[in-house]
């Protein structure tokens, strides 16, 4: 089980390809992956390069492992999460 909750702003954590490479190389036996990243929606919020990569969390790597990506909005917050189903 790898449980990751990001408490600081760093969009690098939204790079699905980077996660895939890391897990494939370093955690080949990983069964459960739980991830949560939050973005505050305020006057300074901007869509950037990493936001465009979010759809990569739906590649066969993630689907085959049954790790599901969700994007939720709650008040002034975007919550990106991955969890097993």
C-alpha atoms as a PDB file:
ATOM      1  CA  UNK A   1       0.000   0.000   0.000  1.00  0.00           C
ATOM      2  CA  UNK A   2       1.300   3.428  -0.949  1.00  0.00           C
ATOM      3  CA  UNK A   3      -0.734   6.293   0.487  1.00  0.00           C
ATOM      4  CA  UNK A   4       0.278   9.774  -0.708  1.00  0.00           C
ATOM      5  CA  UNK A   5      -1.313  13.017   0.437  1.00  0.00           C
ATOM      6  CA  UNK A   6       0.271  16.172  -0.954  1.00  0.00           C
ATOM      7  CA  UNK A   7       0.275  19.146   1.404  1.00  0.00           C
ATOM      8  CA  UNK A   8       2.238  21.609  -0.710  1.00  0.00           C
ATOM      9  CA  UNK A   9       1.649  23.107  -4.111  1.00  0.00           C
ATOM     10  CA  UNK A  10       3.731  21.267  -6.682  1.00  0.00           C
ATOM     11  CA  UNK A  11       1.979  20.314  -9.899  1.00  0.00           C
ATOM     12  CA  UNK A  12       4.706  17.763 -10.676  1.00  0.00           C
ATOM     13  CA  UNK A  13       2.638  15.367  -8.574  1.00  0.00           C
ATOM     14  CA  UNK A  14      -0.076  15.510 -11.276  1.00  0.00           C
ATOM     15  CA  UNK A  15       2.250  13.950 -13.852  1.00  0.00           C
ATOM     16  CA  UNK A  16       0.737  10.479 -14.392  1.00  0.00           C
ATOM     17  CA  UNK A  17       3.581   9.353 -16.657  1.00  0.00           C
ATOM     18  CA  UNK A  18       6.128  10.173 -13.977  1.00  0.00           C
ATOM     19  CA  UNK A  19       4.155   8.187 -11.382  1.00  0.00           C
ATOM     20  CA  UNK A  20       3.869   5.281 -13.821  1.00  0.00           C
ATOM     21  CA  UNK A  21       7.643   5.214 -14.407  1.00  0.00           C
ATOM     22  CA  UNK A  22       8.362   5.445 -10.667  1.00  0.00           C
ATOM     23  CA  UNK A  23       5.954   2.660  -9.713  1.00  0.00           C
ATOM     24  CA  UNK A  24       7.015   0.408 -12.613  1.00  0.00           C
ATOM     25  CA  UNK A  25      10.684   0.779 -11.713  1.00  0.00           C
ATOM     26  CA  UNK A  26      10.645   0.912  -7.905  1.00  0.00           C
ATOM     27  CA  UNK A  27       7.420  -0.683  -6.690  1.00  0.00           C
ATOM     28  CA  UNK A  28       6.627  -3.538  -9.046  1.00  0.00           C
ATOM     29  CA  UNK A  29       4.601  -5.433  -6.417  1.00  0.00           C
ATOM     30  CA  UNK A  30       2.462  -2.478  -5.372  1.00  0.00           C
ATOM     31  CA  UNK A  31      -1.191  -3.485  -5.127  1.00  0.00           C
ATOM     32  CA  UNK A  32      -2.890  -0.440  -3.600  1.00  0.00           C
ATOM     33  CA  UNK A  33      -2.115   3.163  -4.461  1.00  0.00           C
ATOM     34  CA  UNK A  34      -3.983   5.992  -2.744  1.00  0.00           C
ATOM     35  CA  UNK A  35      -3.211   9.543  -3.797  1.00  0.00           C
ATOM     36  CA  UNK A  36      -4.696  12.929  -2.938  1.00  0.00           C
ATOM     37  CA  UNK A  37      -3.659  16.345  -4.190  1.00  0.00           C
ATOM     38  CA  UNK A  38      -5.554  19.579  -3.558  1.00  0.00           C
ATOM     39  CA  UNK A  39      -5.559  22.834  -5.493  1.00  0.00           C
ATOM     40  CA  UNK A  40      -7.085  26.027  -4.171  1.00  0.00           C
ATOM     41  CA  UNK A  41      -9.264  27.890  -6.630  1.00  0.00           C
ATOM     42  CA  UNK A  42      -8.588  31.577  -6.124  1.00  0.00           C
ATOM     43  CA  UNK A  43      -7.679  34.639  -8.168  1.00  0.00           C
ATOM     44  CA  UNK A  44      -4.193  33.223  -8.771  1.00  0.00           C
ATOM     45  CA  UNK A  45      -5.337  29.788  -9.986  1.00  0.00           C
ATOM     46  CA  UNK A  46      -4.240  28.989 -13.543  1.00  0.00           C
ATOM     47  CA  UNK A  47      -4.502  25.923 -15.732  1.00  0.00           C
ATOM     48  CA  UNK A  48      -0.959  24.862 -16.589  1.00  0.00           C
ATOM     49  CA  UNK A  49       0.936  22.144 -18.438  1.00  0.00           C
ATOM     50  CA  UNK A  50       0.441  19.565 -15.684  1.00  0.00           C
ATOM     51  CA  UNK A  51      -3.310  19.981 -15.706  1.00  0.00           C
ATOM     52  CA  UNK A  52      -3.277  18.945 -19.359  1.00  0.00           C
ATOM     53  CA  UNK A  53      -1.597  15.662 -18.369  1.00  0.00           C
ATOM     54  CA  UNK A  54      -4.370  14.594 -16.005  1.00  0.00           C
ATOM     55  CA  UNK A  55      -6.059  12.434 -18.627  1.00  0.00           C
ATOM     56  CA  UNK A  56      -2.972  10.173 -18.564  1.00  0.00           C
ATOM     57  CA  UNK A  57      -4.316   8.795 -15.261  1.00  0.00           C
ATOM     58  CA  UNK A  58      -6.794   6.857 -17.441  1.00  0.00           C
ATOM     59  CA  UNK A  59      -4.150   4.923 -19.398  1.00  0.00           C
ATOM     60  CA  UNK A  60      -4.054   1.121 -19.361  1.00  0.00           C
ATOM     61  CA  UNK A  61      -1.412   1.217 -16.600  1.00  0.00           C
ATOM     62  CA  UNK A  62      -3.977   2.684 -14.187  1.00  0.00           C
ATOM     63  CA  UNK A  63      -7.016   0.823 -15.495  1.00  0.00           C
ATOM     64  CA  UNK A  64      -5.283  -2.596 -15.394  1.00  0.00           C
ATOM     65  CA  UNK A  65      -4.472  -2.036 -11.721  1.00  0.00           C
ATOM     66  CA  UNK A  66      -8.005  -0.803 -11.015  1.00  0.00           C
ATOM     67  CA  UNK A  67      -6.700   2.493  -9.668  1.00  0.00           C
ATOM     68  CA  UNK A  68      -9.351   5.071 -10.458  1.00  0.00           C
ATOM     69  CA  UNK A  69      -8.706   8.790 -10.915  1.00  0.00           C
ATOM     70  CA  UNK A  70     -11.299  11.267  -9.635  1.00  0.00           C
ATOM     71  CA  UNK A  71     -11.485  15.032  -9.777  1.00  0.00           C
ATOM     72  CA  UNK A  72     -13.823  16.631  -7.248  1.00  0.00           C
ATOM     73  CA  UNK A  73     -14.731  20.224  -6.535  1.00  0.00           C
ATOM     74  CA  UNK A  74     -15.477  21.305  -3.000  1.00  0.00           C
ATOM     75  CA  UNK A  75     -16.115  24.982  -2.316  1.00  0.00           C
ATOM     76  CA  UNK A  76     -12.897  26.696  -3.474  1.00  0.00           C
ATOM     77  CA  UNK A  77     -10.865  23.522  -3.828  1.00  0.00           C
ATOM     78  CA  UNK A  78     -10.087  20.999  -6.563  1.00  0.00           C
ATOM     79  CA  UNK A  79      -9.287  17.554  -5.205  1.00  0.00           C
ATOM     80  CA  UNK A  80      -7.426  15.093  -7.420  1.00  0.00           C
ATOM     81  CA  UNK A  81      -7.467  11.548  -6.103  1.00  0.00           C
ATOM     82  CA  UNK A  82      -6.584   8.013  -7.070  1.00  0.00           C
ATOM     83  CA  UNK A  83      -7.839   4.989  -5.213  1.00  0.00           C
ATOM     84  CA  UNK A  84      -8.533   1.324  -5.845  1.00  0.00           C
ATOM     85  CA  UNK A  85     -12.095   0.332  -6.641  1.00  0.00           C
END
